[in-house]
Amino acid sequence: MAGGRGRARAATGPCHTVTVFRPVEYVTDHLPSQLTDRGDAVAVRLCEAPGRRGTEIHVRRANDTVSDDEIRRVLRIARSQLEVGDVLKPGVATTTPTAFNRGLRAVTARGREKGLL
């Protein structure tokens, strides 16, 4: 894993990026363990977001031991921890499960791994 603003080693797969509304120095010092514990499985690069609006965290797979879905999930957790200090969870359904809302329940259950709904 590349630390700070340095160049990340060669990686495979798409680059996943999230912007965190914190300075680069803060993110460097408080990078969540979900990203640092991956070791050589991911390449992490931090840089200042355009307009000094926080920090961009760029993550790529370095090998096939971690999936793109896992990287997206970890980036969501990292952003939540860095900005809020806790991982925010979606609210629970306020309706009774029925055949009509089965599709929505299925999509919501997988939303954290696959991306925005």
PDB file of N, CA and C in Angstrom:
ATOM      1  N   MET A   1       0.859  -1.169   0.000  1.00  0.00           N
ATOM      2  CA  MET A   1       0.000   0.000   0.000  1.00  0.00           C
ATOM      3  C   MET A   1       0.895   1.217   0.000  1.00  0.00           C
ATOM      4  N   ALA A   2       0.588   2.154  -0.835  1.00  0.00           N
ATOM      5  CA  ALA A   2       1.339   3.391  -0.894  1.00  0.00           C
ATOM      6  C   ALA A   2       0.802   4.333   0.161  1.00  0.00           C
ATOM      7  N   GLY A   3       1.662   4.924   0.922  1.00  0.00           N
ATOM      8  CA  GLY A   3       1.226   5.832   1.968  1.00  0.00           C
ATOM      9  C   GLY A   3       1.294   7.269   1.492  1.00  0.00           C
ATOM     10  N   GLY A   4       0.482   8.117   2.081  1.00  0.00           N
ATOM     11  CA  GLY A   4       0.517   9.533   1.779  1.00  0.00           C
ATOM     12  C   GLY A   4       0.200   9.837   0.335  1.00  0.00           C
ATOM     13  N   ARG A   5       0.957  10.790  -0.230  1.00  0.00           N
ATOM     14  CA  ARG A   5       0.695  11.223  -1.595  1.00  0.00           C
ATOM     15  C   ARG A   5       1.587  10.510  -2.604  1.00  0.00           C
ATOM     16  N   GLY A   6       2.320   9.528  -2.193  1.00  0.00           N
ATOM     17  CA  GLY A   6       3.253   8.839  -3.071  1.00  0.00           C
ATOM     18  C   GLY A   6       2.563   8.063  -4.167  1.00  0.00           C
ATOM     19  N   ARG A   7       3.355   7.623  -5.122  1.00  0.00           N
ATOM     20  CA  ARG A   7       2.830   6.849  -6.241  1.00  0.00           C
ATOM     21  C   ARG A   7       2.542   5.430  -5.806  1.00  0.00           C
ATOM     22  N   ALA A   8       1.380   4.932  -6.150  1.00  0.00           N
ATOM     23  CA  ALA A   8       1.016   3.563  -5.816  1.00  0.00           C
ATOM     24  C   ALA A   8       1.683   2.616  -6.795  1.00  0.00           C
ATOM     25  N   ARG A   9       1.979   1.395  -6.357  1.00  0.00           N
ATOM     26  CA  ARG A   9       2.589   0.413  -7.243  1.00  0.00           C
ATOM     27  C   ARG A   9       1.565  -0.054  -8.268  1.00  0.00           C
ATOM     28  N   ALA A  10       2.032  -0.781  -9.250  1.00  0.00           N
ATOM     29  CA  ALA A  10       1.151  -1.227 -10.328  1.00  0.00           C
ATOM     30  C   ALA A  10      -0.028  -2.011  -9.763  1.00  0.00           C
ATOM     31  N   ALA A  11      -1.202  -1.721 -10.257  1.00  0.00           N
ATOM     32  CA  ALA A  11      -2.410  -2.370  -9.762  1.00  0.00           C
ATOM     33  C   ALA A  11      -3.276  -2.778 -10.945  1.00  0.00           C
ATOM     34  N   THR A  12      -4.225  -3.664 -10.669  1.00  0.00           N
ATOM     35  CA  THR A  12      -5.127  -4.131 -11.715  1.00  0.00           C
ATOM     36  C   THR A  12      -6.535  -3.666 -11.400  1.00  0.00           C
ATOM     37  N   GLY A  13      -7.378  -3.719 -12.400  1.00  0.00           N
ATOM     38  CA  GLY A  13      -8.783  -3.375 -12.185  1.00  0.00           C
ATOM     39  C   GLY A  13      -9.013  -1.887 -12.171  1.00  0.00           C
ATOM     40  N   PRO A  14     -10.287  -1.514 -12.072  1.00  0.00           N
ATOM     41  CA  PRO A  14     -10.631  -0.086 -12.069  1.00  0.00           C
ATOM     42  C   PRO A  14     -10.217   0.602 -10.772  1.00  0.00           C
ATOM     43  N   CYS A  15     -10.032   1.896 -10.863  1.00  0.00           N
ATOM     44  CA  CYS A  15      -9.706   2.682  -9.685  1.00  0.00           C
ATOM     45  C   CYS A  15     -11.012   3.159  -9.055  1.00  0.00           C
ATOM     46  N   HIS A  16     -11.176   2.909  -7.776  1.00  0.00           N
ATOM     47  CA  HIS A  16     -12.352   3.350  -7.035  1.00  0.00           C
ATOM     48  C   HIS A  16     -11.947   4.562  -6.208  1.00  0.00           C
ATOM     49  N   THR A  17     -12.760   5.616  -6.285  1.00  0.00           N
ATOM     50  CA  THR A  17     -12.406   6.869  -5.633  1.00  0.00           C
ATOM     51  C   THR A  17     -13.575   7.389  -4.810  1.00  0.00           C
ATOM     52  N   VAL A  18     -13.251   7.934  -3.656  1.00  0.00           N
ATOM     53  CA  VAL A  18     -14.248   8.592  -2.820  1.00  0.00           C
ATOM     54  C   VAL A  18     -13.613   9.878  -2.287  1.00  0.00           C
ATOM     55  N   THR A  19     -14.416  10.926  -2.167  1.00  0.00           N
ATOM     56  CA  THR A  19     -13.944  12.186  -1.610  1.00  0.00           C
ATOM     57  C   THR A  19     -14.438  12.311  -0.184  1.00  0.00           C
ATOM     58  N   VAL A  20     -13.510  12.623   0.714  1.00  0.00           N
ATOM     59  CA  VAL A  20     -13.812  12.772   2.137  1.00  0.00           C
ATOM     60  C   VAL A  20     -13.599  14.228   2.510  1.00  0.00           C
ATOM     61  N   PHE A  21     -14.531  14.810   3.219  1.00  0.00           N
ATOM     62  CA  PHE A  21     -14.429  16.224   3.584  1.00  0.00           C
ATOM     63  C   PHE A  21     -13.557  16.385   4.829  1.00  0.00           C
ATOM     64  N   ARG A  22     -12.296  16.026   4.672  1.00  0.00           N
ATOM     65  CA  ARG A  22     -11.262  16.171   5.702  1.00  0.00           C
ATOM     66  C   ARG A  22      -9.944  16.480   5.000  1.00  0.00           C
ATOM     67  N   PRO A  23      -9.015  17.199   5.666  1.00  0.00           N
ATOM     68  CA  PRO A  23      -7.713  17.484   5.047  1.00  0.00           C
ATOM     69  C   PRO A  23      -6.887  16.205   4.854  1.00  0.00           C
ATOM     70  N   VAL A  24      -5.964  16.250   3.912  1.00  0.00           N
ATOM     71  CA  VAL A  24      -5.121  15.090   3.609  1.00  0.00           C
ATOM     72  C   VAL A  24      -4.374  14.618   4.845  1.00  0.00           C
ATOM     73  N   GLU A  25      -3.849  15.546   5.640  1.00  0.00           N
ATOM     74  CA  GLU A  25      -3.084  15.180   6.828  1.00  0.00           C
ATOM     75  C   GLU A  25      -3.947  14.399   7.823  1.00  0.00           C
ATOM     76  N   TYR A  26      -5.192  14.819   7.986  1.00  0.00           N
ATOM     77  CA  TYR A  26      -6.104  14.127   8.898  1.00  0.00           C
ATOM     78  C   TYR A  26      -6.382  12.709   8.392  1.00  0.00           C
ATOM     79  N   VAL A  27      -6.667  12.585   7.096  1.00  0.00           N
ATOM     80  CA  VAL A  27      -6.976  11.272   6.527  1.00  0.00           C
ATOM     81  C   VAL A  27      -5.766  10.354   6.630  1.00  0.00           C
ATOM     82  N   THR A  28      -4.573  10.891   6.379  1.00  0.00           N
ATOM     83  CA  THR A  28      -3.353  10.091   6.482  1.00  0.00           C
ATOM     84  C   THR A  28      -3.183   9.550   7.895  1.00  0.00           C
ATOM     85  N   ASP A  29      -3.432  10.377   8.892  1.00  0.00           N
ATOM     86  CA  ASP A  29      -3.261   9.963  10.288  1.00  0.00           C
ATOM     87  C   ASP A  29      -4.382   9.064  10.792  1.00  0.00           C
ATOM     88  N   HIS A  30      -5.562   9.146  10.198  1.00  0.00           N
ATOM     89  CA  HIS A  30      -6.732   8.417  10.700  1.00  0.00           C
ATOM     90  C   HIS A  30      -7.321   7.450   9.680  1.00  0.00           C
ATOM     91  N   LEU A  31      -6.524   6.974   8.734  1.00  0.00           N
ATOM     92  CA  LEU A  31      -7.025   6.054   7.721  1.00  0.00           C
ATOM     93  C   LEU A  31      -7.572   4.801   8.404  1.00  0.00           C
ATOM     94  N   PRO A  32      -8.829   4.457   8.156  1.00  0.00           N
ATOM     95  CA  PRO A  32      -9.452   3.323   8.844  1.00  0.00           C
ATOM     96  C   PRO A  32      -8.738   2.001   8.585  1.00  0.00           C
ATOM     97  N   SER A  33      -8.817   1.129   9.554  1.00  0.00           N
ATOM     98  CA  SER A  33      -8.126  -0.157   9.480  1.00  0.00           C
ATOM     99  C   SER A  33      -8.643  -1.032   8.345  1.00  0.00           C
ATOM    100  N   GLN A  34      -9.879  -0.826   7.894  1.00  0.00           N
ATOM    101  CA  GLN A  34     -10.394  -1.618   6.783  1.00  0.00           C
ATOM    102  C   GLN A  34      -9.537  -1.435   5.533  1.00  0.00           C
ATOM    103  N   LEU A  35      -8.922  -0.261   5.370  1.00  0.00           N
ATOM    104  CA  LEU A  35      -8.042  -0.027   4.223  1.00  0.00           C
ATOM    105  C   LEU A  35      -6.605  -0.424   4.520  1.00  0.00           C
ATOM    106  N   THR A  36      -6.126  -0.155   5.712  1.00  0.00           N
ATOM    107  CA  THR A  36      -4.732  -0.444   6.029  1.00  0.00           C
ATOM    108  C   THR A  36      -4.488  -1.926   6.263  1.00  0.00           C
ATOM    109  N   ASP A  37      -5.493  -2.677   6.681  1.00  0.00           N
ATOM    110  CA  ASP A  37      -5.315  -4.107   6.957  1.00  0.00           C
ATOM    111  C   ASP A  37      -5.283  -4.957   5.702  1.00  0.00           C
ATOM    112  N   ARG A  38      -5.545  -4.397   4.551  1.00  0.00           N
ATOM    113  CA  ARG A  38      -5.553  -5.163   3.298  1.00  0.00           C
ATOM    114  C   ARG A  38      -4.153  -5.482   2.805  1.00  0.00           C
ATOM    115  N   GLY A  39      -3.141  -4.794   3.321  1.00  0.00           N
ATOM    116  CA  GLY A  39      -1.755  -5.067   2.949  1.00  0.00           C
ATOM    117  C   GLY A  39      -1.498  -4.876   1.464  1.00  0.00           C
ATOM    118  N   ASP A  40      -0.935  -5.914   0.835  1.00  0.00           N
ATOM    119  CA  ASP A  40      -0.575  -5.835  -0.575  1.00  0.00           C
ATOM    120  C   ASP A  40      -1.739  -6.116  -1.509  1.00  0.00           C
ATOM    121  N   ALA A  41      -2.927  -6.352  -0.987  1.00  0.00           N
ATOM    122  CA  ALA A  41      -4.080  -6.664  -1.832  1.00  0.00           C
ATOM    123  C   ALA A  41      -4.626  -5.431  -2.546  1.00  0.00           C
ATOM    124  N   VAL A  42      -4.379  -4.237  -1.991  1.00  0.00           N
ATOM    125  CA  VAL A  42      -4.867  -3.005  -2.600  1.00  0.00           C
ATOM    126  C   VAL A  42      -3.761  -1.957  -2.637  1.00  0.00           C
ATOM    127  N   ALA A  43      -3.884  -1.051  -3.596  1.00  0.00           N
ATOM    128  CA  ALA A  43      -2.992   0.100  -3.692  1.00  0.00           C
ATOM    129  C   ALA A  43      -3.820   1.336  -3.365  1.00  0.00           C
ATOM    130  N   VAL A  44      -3.419   2.082  -2.337  1.00  0.00           N
ATOM    131  CA  VAL A  44      -4.158   3.254  -1.878  1.00  0.00           C
ATOM    132  C   VAL A  44      -3.331   4.499  -2.167  1.00  0.00           C
ATOM    133  N   ARG A  45      -3.998   5.519  -2.719  1.00  0.00           N
ATOM    134  CA  ARG A  45      -3.344   6.798  -2.980  1.00  0.00           C
ATOM    135  C   ARG A  45      -4.253   7.904  -2.468  1.00  0.00           C
ATOM    136  N   LEU A  46      -3.674   8.858  -1.757  1.00  0.00           N
ATOM    137  CA  LEU A  46      -4.419  10.003  -1.229  1.00  0.00           C
ATOM    138  C   LEU A  46      -3.951  11.258  -1.948  1.00  0.00           C
ATOM    139  N   CYS A  47      -4.895  12.137  -2.284  1.00  0.00           N
ATOM    140  CA  CYS A  47      -4.529  13.427  -2.856  1.00  0.00           C
ATOM    141  C   CYS A  47      -5.605  14.449  -2.484  1.00  0.00           C
ATOM    142  N   GLU A  48      -5.224  15.709  -2.578  1.00  0.00           N
ATOM    143  CA  GLU A  48      -6.155  16.780  -2.243  1.00  0.00           C
ATOM    144  C   GLU A  48      -7.249  16.866  -3.306  1.00  0.00           C
ATOM    145  N   ALA A  49      -8.476  17.023  -2.853  1.00  0.00           N
ATOM    146  CA  ALA A  49      -9.609  17.146  -3.776  1.00  0.00           C
ATOM    147  C   ALA A  49      -9.561  18.521  -4.443  1.00  0.00           C
ATOM    148  N   PRO A  50     -10.096  18.642  -5.648  1.00  0.00           N
ATOM    149  CA  PRO A  50     -10.109  19.935  -6.336  1.00  0.00           C
ATOM    150  C   PRO A  50     -10.806  21.003  -5.496  1.00  0.00           C
ATOM    151  N   GLY A  51     -10.286  22.198  -5.554  1.00  0.00           N
ATOM    152  CA  GLY A  51     -10.878  23.310  -4.825  1.00  0.00           C
ATOM    153  C   GLY A  51     -10.673  23.216  -3.317  1.00  0.00           C
ATOM    154  N   ARG A  52      -9.704  22.418  -2.884  1.00  0.00           N
ATOM    155  CA  ARG A  52      -9.434  22.234  -1.443  1.00  0.00           C
ATOM    156  C   ARG A  52     -10.679  21.800  -0.687  1.00  0.00           C
ATOM    157  N   ARG A  53     -11.407  20.880  -1.275  1.00  0.00           N
ATOM    158  CA  ARG A  53     -12.655  20.414  -0.671  1.00  0.00           C
ATOM    159  C   ARG A  53     -12.495  19.041  -0.042  1.00  0.00           C
ATOM    160  N   GLY A  54     -11.378  18.785   0.566  1.00  0.00           N
ATOM    161  CA  GLY A  54     -11.170  17.520   1.245  1.00  0.00           C
ATOM    162  C   GLY A  54     -10.080  16.695   0.606  1.00  0.00           C
ATOM    163  N   THR A  55     -10.218  15.386   0.745  1.00  0.00           N
ATOM    164  CA  THR A  55      -9.215  14.438   0.280  1.00  0.00           C
ATOM    165  C   THR A  55      -9.862  13.384  -0.605  1.00  0.00           C
ATOM    166  N   GLU A  56      -9.208  13.065  -1.703  1.00  0.00           N
ATOM    167  CA  GLU A  56      -9.646  11.966  -2.543  1.00  0.00           C
ATOM    168  C   GLU A  56      -8.867  10.719  -2.136  1.00  0.00           C
ATOM    169  N   ILE A  57      -9.587   9.628  -1.909  1.00  0.00           N
ATOM    170  CA  ILE A  57      -8.962   8.341  -1.612  1.00  0.00           C
ATOM    171  C   ILE A  57      -9.160   7.474  -2.849  1.00  0.00           C
ATOM    172  N   HIS A  58      -8.051   7.089  -3.488  1.00  0.00           N
ATOM    173  CA  HIS A  58      -8.079   6.249  -4.687  1.00  0.00           C
ATOM    174  C   HIS A  58      -7.612   4.846  -4.288  1.00  0.00           C
ATOM    175  N   VAL A  59      -8.389   3.831  -4.623  1.00  0.00           N
ATOM    176  CA  VAL A  59      -8.032   2.458  -4.276  1.00  0.00           C
ATOM    177  C   VAL A  59      -8.171   1.579  -5.516  1.00  0.00           C
ATOM    178  N   ARG A  60      -7.148   0.736  -5.747  1.00  0.00           N
ATOM    179  CA  ARG A  60      -7.165  -0.253  -6.835  1.00  0.00           C
ATOM    180  C   ARG A  60      -6.758  -1.609  -6.283  1.00  0.00           C
ATOM    181  N   ARG A  61      -7.293  -2.638  -6.917  1.00  0.00           N
ATOM    182  CA  ARG A  61      -6.869  -3.995  -6.568  1.00  0.00           C
ATOM    183  C   ARG A  61      -5.449  -4.209  -7.068  1.00  0.00           C
ATOM    184  N   ALA A  62      -4.619  -4.825  -6.243  1.00  0.00           N
ATOM    185  CA  ALA A  62      -3.271  -5.173  -6.666  1.00  0.00           C
ATOM    186  C   ALA A  62      -3.217  -6.630  -7.118  1.00  0.00           C
ATOM    187  N   ASN A  63      -4.169  -7.415  -6.672  1.00  0.00           N
ATOM    188  CA  ASN A  63      -4.272  -8.818  -7.085  1.00  0.00           C
ATOM    189  C   ASN A  63      -5.726  -9.244  -6.941  1.00  0.00           C
ATOM    190  N   ASP A  64      -5.998 -10.506  -7.154  1.00  0.00           N
ATOM    191  CA  ASP A  64      -7.384 -10.979  -7.149  1.00  0.00           C
ATOM    192  C   ASP A  64      -7.869 -11.480  -5.787  1.00  0.00           C
ATOM    193  N   THR A  65      -7.187 -11.128  -4.713  1.00  0.00           N
ATOM    194  CA  THR A  65      -7.630 -11.593  -3.393  1.00  0.00           C
ATOM    195  C   THR A  65      -8.770 -10.757  -2.822  1.00  0.00           C
ATOM    196  N   VAL A  66      -9.025  -9.607  -3.421  1.00  0.00           N
ATOM    197  CA  VAL A  66     -10.119  -8.744  -2.968  1.00  0.00           C
ATOM    198  C   VAL A  66     -10.946  -8.341  -4.198  1.00  0.00           C
ATOM    199  N   SER A  67     -12.264  -8.276  -4.021  1.00  0.00           N
ATOM    200  CA  SER A  67     -13.147  -7.947  -5.143  1.00  0.00           C
ATOM    201  C   SER A  67     -13.425  -6.444  -5.203  1.00  0.00           C
ATOM    202  N   ASP A  68     -13.911  -5.996  -6.355  1.00  0.00           N
ATOM    203  CA  ASP A  68     -14.287  -4.588  -6.500  1.00  0.00           C
ATOM    204  C   ASP A  68     -15.454  -4.242  -5.572  1.00  0.00           C
ATOM    205  N   ASP A  69     -16.378  -5.178  -5.382  1.00  0.00           N
ATOM    206  CA  ASP A  69     -17.496  -4.945  -4.460  1.00  0.00           C
ATOM    207  C   ASP A  69     -16.990  -4.706  -3.046  1.00  0.00           C
ATOM    208  N   GLU A  70     -16.000  -5.481  -2.633  1.00  0.00           N
ATOM    209  CA  GLU A  70     -15.422  -5.321  -1.292  1.00  0.00           C
ATOM    210  C   GLU A  70     -14.735  -3.962  -1.162  1.00  0.00           C
ATOM    211  N   ILE A  71     -14.031  -3.533  -2.195  1.00  0.00           N
ATOM    212  CA  ILE A  71     -13.369  -2.229  -2.160  1.00  0.00           C
ATOM    213  C   ILE A  71     -14.405  -1.112  -2.036  1.00  0.00           C
ATOM    214  N   ARG A  72     -15.490  -1.185  -2.806  1.00  0.00           N
ATOM    215  CA  ARG A  72     -16.535  -0.157  -2.702  1.00  0.00           C
ATOM    216  C   ARG A  72     -17.147  -0.135  -1.305  1.00  0.00           C
ATOM    217  N   ARG A  73     -17.399  -1.301  -0.732  1.00  0.00           N
ATOM    218  CA  ARG A  73     -17.973  -1.370   0.611  1.00  0.00           C
ATOM    219  C   ARG A  73     -17.017  -0.755   1.636  1.00  0.00           C
ATOM    220  N   VAL A  74     -15.743  -1.079   1.532  1.00  0.00           N
ATOM    221  CA  VAL A  74     -14.747  -0.552   2.475  1.00  0.00           C
ATOM    222  C   VAL A  74     -14.599   0.956   2.320  1.00  0.00           C
ATOM    223  N   LEU A  75     -14.660   1.472   1.093  1.00  0.00           N
ATOM    224  CA  LEU A  75     -14.573   2.919   0.900  1.00  0.00           C
ATOM    225  C   LEU A  75     -15.771   3.640   1.518  1.00  0.00           C
ATOM    226  N   ARG A  76     -16.960   3.062   1.417  1.00  0.00           N
ATOM    227  CA  ARG A  76     -18.129   3.684   2.059  1.00  0.00           C
ATOM    228  C   ARG A  76     -17.963   3.726   3.569  1.00  0.00           C
ATOM    229  N   ILE A  77     -17.468   2.641   4.131  1.00  0.00           N
ATOM    230  CA  ILE A  77     -17.236   2.591   5.579  1.00  0.00           C
ATOM    231  C   ILE A  77     -16.176   3.611   5.970  1.00  0.00           C
ATOM    232  N   ALA A  78     -15.084   3.685   5.210  1.00  0.00           N
ATOM    233  CA  ALA A  78     -14.001   4.623   5.519  1.00  0.00           C
ATOM    234  C   ALA A  78     -14.489   6.061   5.475  1.00  0.00           C
ATOM    235  N   ARG A  79     -15.272   6.417   4.442  1.00  0.00           N
ATOM    236  CA  ARG A  79     -15.786   7.788   4.355  1.00  0.00           C
ATOM    237  C   ARG A  79     -16.670   8.118   5.550  1.00  0.00           C
ATOM    238  N   SER A  80     -17.529   7.195   5.921  1.00  0.00           N
ATOM    239  CA  SER A  80     -18.411   7.419   7.053  1.00  0.00           C
ATOM    240  C   SER A  80     -17.609   7.590   8.346  1.00  0.00           C
ATOM    241  N   GLN A  81     -16.606   6.748   8.556  1.00  0.00           N
ATOM    242  CA  GLN A  81     -15.796   6.856   9.770  1.00  0.00           C
ATOM    243  C   GLN A  81     -15.005   8.157   9.818  1.00  0.00           C
ATOM    244  N   LEU A  82     -14.448   8.570   8.675  1.00  0.00           N
ATOM    245  CA  LEU A  82     -13.643   9.780   8.658  1.00  0.00           C
ATOM    246  C   LEU A  82     -14.478  11.044   8.803  1.00  0.00           C
ATOM    247  N   GLU A  83     -15.652  11.090   8.193  1.00  0.00           N
ATOM    248  CA  GLU A  83     -16.471  12.304   8.243  1.00  0.00           C
ATOM    249  C   GLU A  83     -17.357  12.387   9.473  1.00  0.00           C
ATOM    250  N   VAL A  84     -17.915  11.261   9.899  1.00  0.00           N
ATOM    251  CA  VAL A  84     -18.905  11.271  10.976  1.00  0.00           C
ATOM    252  C   VAL A  84     -18.361  10.680  12.267  1.00  0.00           C
ATOM    253  N   GLY A  85     -17.396   9.765  12.142  1.00  0.00           N
ATOM    254  CA  GLY A  85     -16.853   9.104  13.317  1.00  0.00           C
ATOM    255  C   GLY A  85     -17.531   7.785  13.619  1.00  0.00           C
ATOM    256  N   ASP A  86     -18.498   7.403  12.805  1.00  0.00           N
ATOM    257  CA  ASP A  86     -19.237   6.157  12.993  1.00  0.00           C
ATOM    258  C   ASP A  86     -19.750   5.705  11.634  1.00  0.00           C
ATOM    259  N   VAL A  87     -20.130   4.456  11.546  1.00  0.00           N
ATOM    260  CA  VAL A  87     -20.678   3.935  10.302  1.00  0.00           C
ATOM    261  C   VAL A  87     -22.194   4.043  10.373  1.00  0.00           C
ATOM    262  N   LEU A  88     -22.741   4.842   9.476  1.00  0.00           N
ATOM    263  CA  LEU A  88     -24.181   5.027   9.443  1.00  0.00           C
ATOM    264  C   LEU A  88     -24.827   3.868   8.714  1.00  0.00           C
ATOM    265  N   LYS A  89     -25.883   3.336   9.276  1.00  0.00           N
ATOM    266  CA  LYS A  89     -26.577   2.212   8.662  1.00  0.00           C
ATOM    267  C   LYS A  89     -27.925   2.678   8.138  1.00  0.00           C
ATOM    268  N   PRO A  90     -28.389   2.066   7.057  1.00  0.00           N
ATOM    269  CA  PRO A  90     -29.693   2.470   6.530  1.00  0.00           C
ATOM    270  C   PRO A  90     -30.799   2.112   7.499  1.00  0.00           C
ATOM    271  N   GLY A  91     -31.860   2.876   7.452  1.00  0.00           N
ATOM    272  CA  GLY A  91     -33.001   2.613   8.325  1.00  0.00           C
ATOM    273  C   GLY A  91     -33.678   1.304   7.971  1.00  0.00           C
ATOM    274  N   VAL A  92     -34.423   0.797   8.899  1.00  0.00           N
ATOM    275  CA  VAL A  92     -35.154  -0.446   8.653  1.00  0.00           C
ATOM    276  C   VAL A  92     -36.498  -0.115   8.007  1.00  0.00           C
ATOM    277  N   ALA A  93     -37.018  -1.078   7.310  1.00  0.00           N
ATOM    278  CA  ALA A  93     -38.302  -0.875   6.638  1.00  0.00           C
ATOM    279  C   ALA A  93     -39.405  -0.684   7.669  1.00  0.00           C
ATOM    280  N   THR A  94     -40.298   0.224   7.363  1.00  0.00           N
ATOM    281  CA  THR A  94     -41.411   0.488   8.280  1.00  0.00           C
ATOM    282  C   THR A  94     -42.684  -0.205   7.833  1.00  0.00           C
ATOM    283  N   THR A  95     -42.568  -1.006   6.805  1.00  0.00           N
ATOM    284  CA  THR A  95     -43.745  -1.704   6.297  1.00  0.00           C
ATOM    285  C   THR A  95     -43.586  -3.207   6.483  1.00  0.00           C
ATOM    286  N   THR A  96     -44.678  -3.884   6.403  1.00  0.00           N
ATOM    287  CA  THR A  96     -44.669  -5.337   6.480  1.00  0.00           C
ATOM    288  C   THR A  96     -44.204  -5.899   5.142  1.00  0.00           C
ATOM    289  N   PRO A  97     -43.300  -6.893   5.165  1.00  0.00           N
ATOM    290  CA  PRO A  97     -42.872  -7.494   3.899  1.00  0.00           C
ATOM    291  C   PRO A  97     -44.054  -8.094   3.136  1.00  0.00           C
ATOM    292  N   THR A  98     -44.165  -7.714   1.877  1.00  0.00           N
ATOM    293  CA  THR A  98     -45.229  -8.232   1.010  1.00  0.00           C
ATOM    294  C   THR A  98     -44.634  -8.587  -0.343  1.00  0.00           C
ATOM    295  N   ALA A  99     -45.436  -9.174  -1.197  1.00  0.00           N
ATOM    296  CA  ALA A  99     -44.988  -9.490  -2.551  1.00  0.00           C
ATOM    297  C   ALA A  99     -44.712  -8.216  -3.341  1.00  0.00           C
ATOM    298  N   PHE A 100     -45.416  -7.134  -3.052  1.00  0.00           N
ATOM    299  CA  PHE A 100     -45.236  -5.878  -3.782  1.00  0.00           C
ATOM    300  C   PHE A 100     -43.913  -5.186  -3.457  1.00  0.00           C
ATOM    301  N   ASN A 101     -43.424  -5.291  -2.232  1.00  0.00           N
ATOM    302  CA  ASN A 101     -42.179  -4.609  -1.894  1.00  0.00           C
ATOM    303  C   ASN A 101     -40.978  -5.560  -1.847  1.00  0.00           C
ATOM    304  N   ARG A 102     -41.122  -6.781  -2.338  1.00  0.00           N
ATOM    305  CA  ARG A 102     -40.035  -7.755  -2.335  1.00  0.00           C
ATOM    306  C   ARG A 102     -38.838  -7.258  -3.159  1.00  0.00           C
ATOM    307  N   GLY A 103     -39.086  -6.673  -4.321  1.00  0.00           N
ATOM    308  CA  GLY A 103     -38.002  -6.161  -5.159  1.00  0.00           C
ATOM    309  C   GLY A 103     -37.214  -5.059  -4.481  1.00  0.00           C
ATOM    310  N   LEU A 104     -37.913  -4.132  -3.859  1.00  0.00           N
ATOM    311  CA  LEU A 104     -37.245  -3.049  -3.146  1.00  0.00           C
ATOM    312  C   LEU A 104     -36.422  -3.588  -1.983  1.00  0.00           C
ATOM    313  N   ARG A 105     -36.942  -4.543  -1.262  1.00  0.00           N
ATOM    314  CA  ARG A 105     -36.193  -5.136  -0.149  1.00  0.00           C
ATOM    315  C   ARG A 105     -34.923  -5.822  -0.641  1.00  0.00           C
ATOM    316  N   ALA A 106     -34.985  -6.502  -1.784  1.00  0.00           N
ATOM    317  CA  ALA A 106     -33.812  -7.193  -2.335  1.00  0.00           C
ATOM    318  C   ALA A 106     -32.738  -6.197  -2.766  1.00  0.00           C
ATOM    319  N   VAL A 107     -33.152  -5.129  -3.433  1.00  0.00           N
ATOM    320  CA  VAL A 107     -32.195  -4.116  -3.881  1.00  0.00           C
ATOM    321  C   VAL A 107     -31.568  -3.407  -2.688  1.00  0.00           C
ATOM    322  N   THR A 108     -32.336  -3.045  -1.712  1.00  0.00           N
ATOM    323  CA  THR A 108     -31.826  -2.352  -0.533  1.00  0.00           C
ATOM    324  C   THR A 108     -30.831  -3.212   0.231  1.00  0.00           C
ATOM    325  N   ALA A 109     -31.069  -4.506   0.293  1.00  0.00           N
ATOM    326  CA  ALA A 109     -30.168  -5.402   1.019  1.00  0.00           C
ATOM    327  C   ALA A 109     -28.786  -5.451   0.367  1.00  0.00           C
ATOM    328  N   ARG A 110     -28.704  -5.278  -0.960  1.00  0.00           N
ATOM    329  CA  ARG A 110     -27.421  -5.346  -1.657  1.00  0.00           C
ATOM    330  C   ARG A 110     -26.853  -3.971  -1.999  1.00  0.00           C
ATOM    331  N   GLY A 111     -27.514  -2.918  -1.615  1.00  0.00           N
ATOM    332  CA  GLY A 111     -27.093  -1.562  -1.985  1.00  0.00           C
ATOM    333  C   GLY A 111     -25.720  -1.183  -1.492  1.00  0.00           C
ATOM    334  N   ARG A 112     -25.299  -1.622  -0.347  1.00  0.00           N
ATOM    335  CA  ARG A 112     -23.990  -1.249   0.193  1.00  0.00           C
ATOM    336  C   ARG A 112     -22.841  -1.869  -0.587  1.00  0.00           C
ATOM    337  N   GLU A 113     -23.024  -2.986  -1.216  1.00  0.00           N
ATOM    338  CA  GLU A 113     -21.945  -3.615  -1.970  1.00  0.00           C
ATOM    339  C   GLU A 113     -21.912  -3.163  -3.414  1.00  0.00           C
ATOM    340  N   LYS A 114     -23.034  -2.962  -4.045  1.00  0.00           N
ATOM    341  CA  LYS A 114     -23.086  -2.693  -5.478  1.00  0.00           C
ATOM    342  C   LYS A 114     -23.118  -1.221  -5.839  1.00  0.00           C
ATOM    343  N   GLY A 115     -23.410  -0.323  -4.941  1.00  0.00           N
ATOM    344  CA  GLY A 115     -23.405   1.095  -5.271  1.00  0.00           C
ATOM    345  C   GLY A 115     -24.731   1.760  -4.972  1.00  0.00           C
ATOM    346  N   LEU A 116     -24.906   2.912  -5.539  1.00  0.00           N
ATOM    347  CA  LEU A 116     -26.102   3.698  -5.279  1.00  0.00           C
ATOM    348  C   LEU A 116     -27.319   3.056  -5.900  1.00  0.00           C
ATOM    349  N   LEU A 117     -28.465   3.261  -5.289  1.00  0.00           N
ATOM    350  CA  LEU A 117     -29.712   2.727  -5.819  1.00  0.00           C
ATOM    351  C   LEU A 117     -30.293   3.665  -6.843  1.00  0.00           C
TER     352      LEU A 117
END
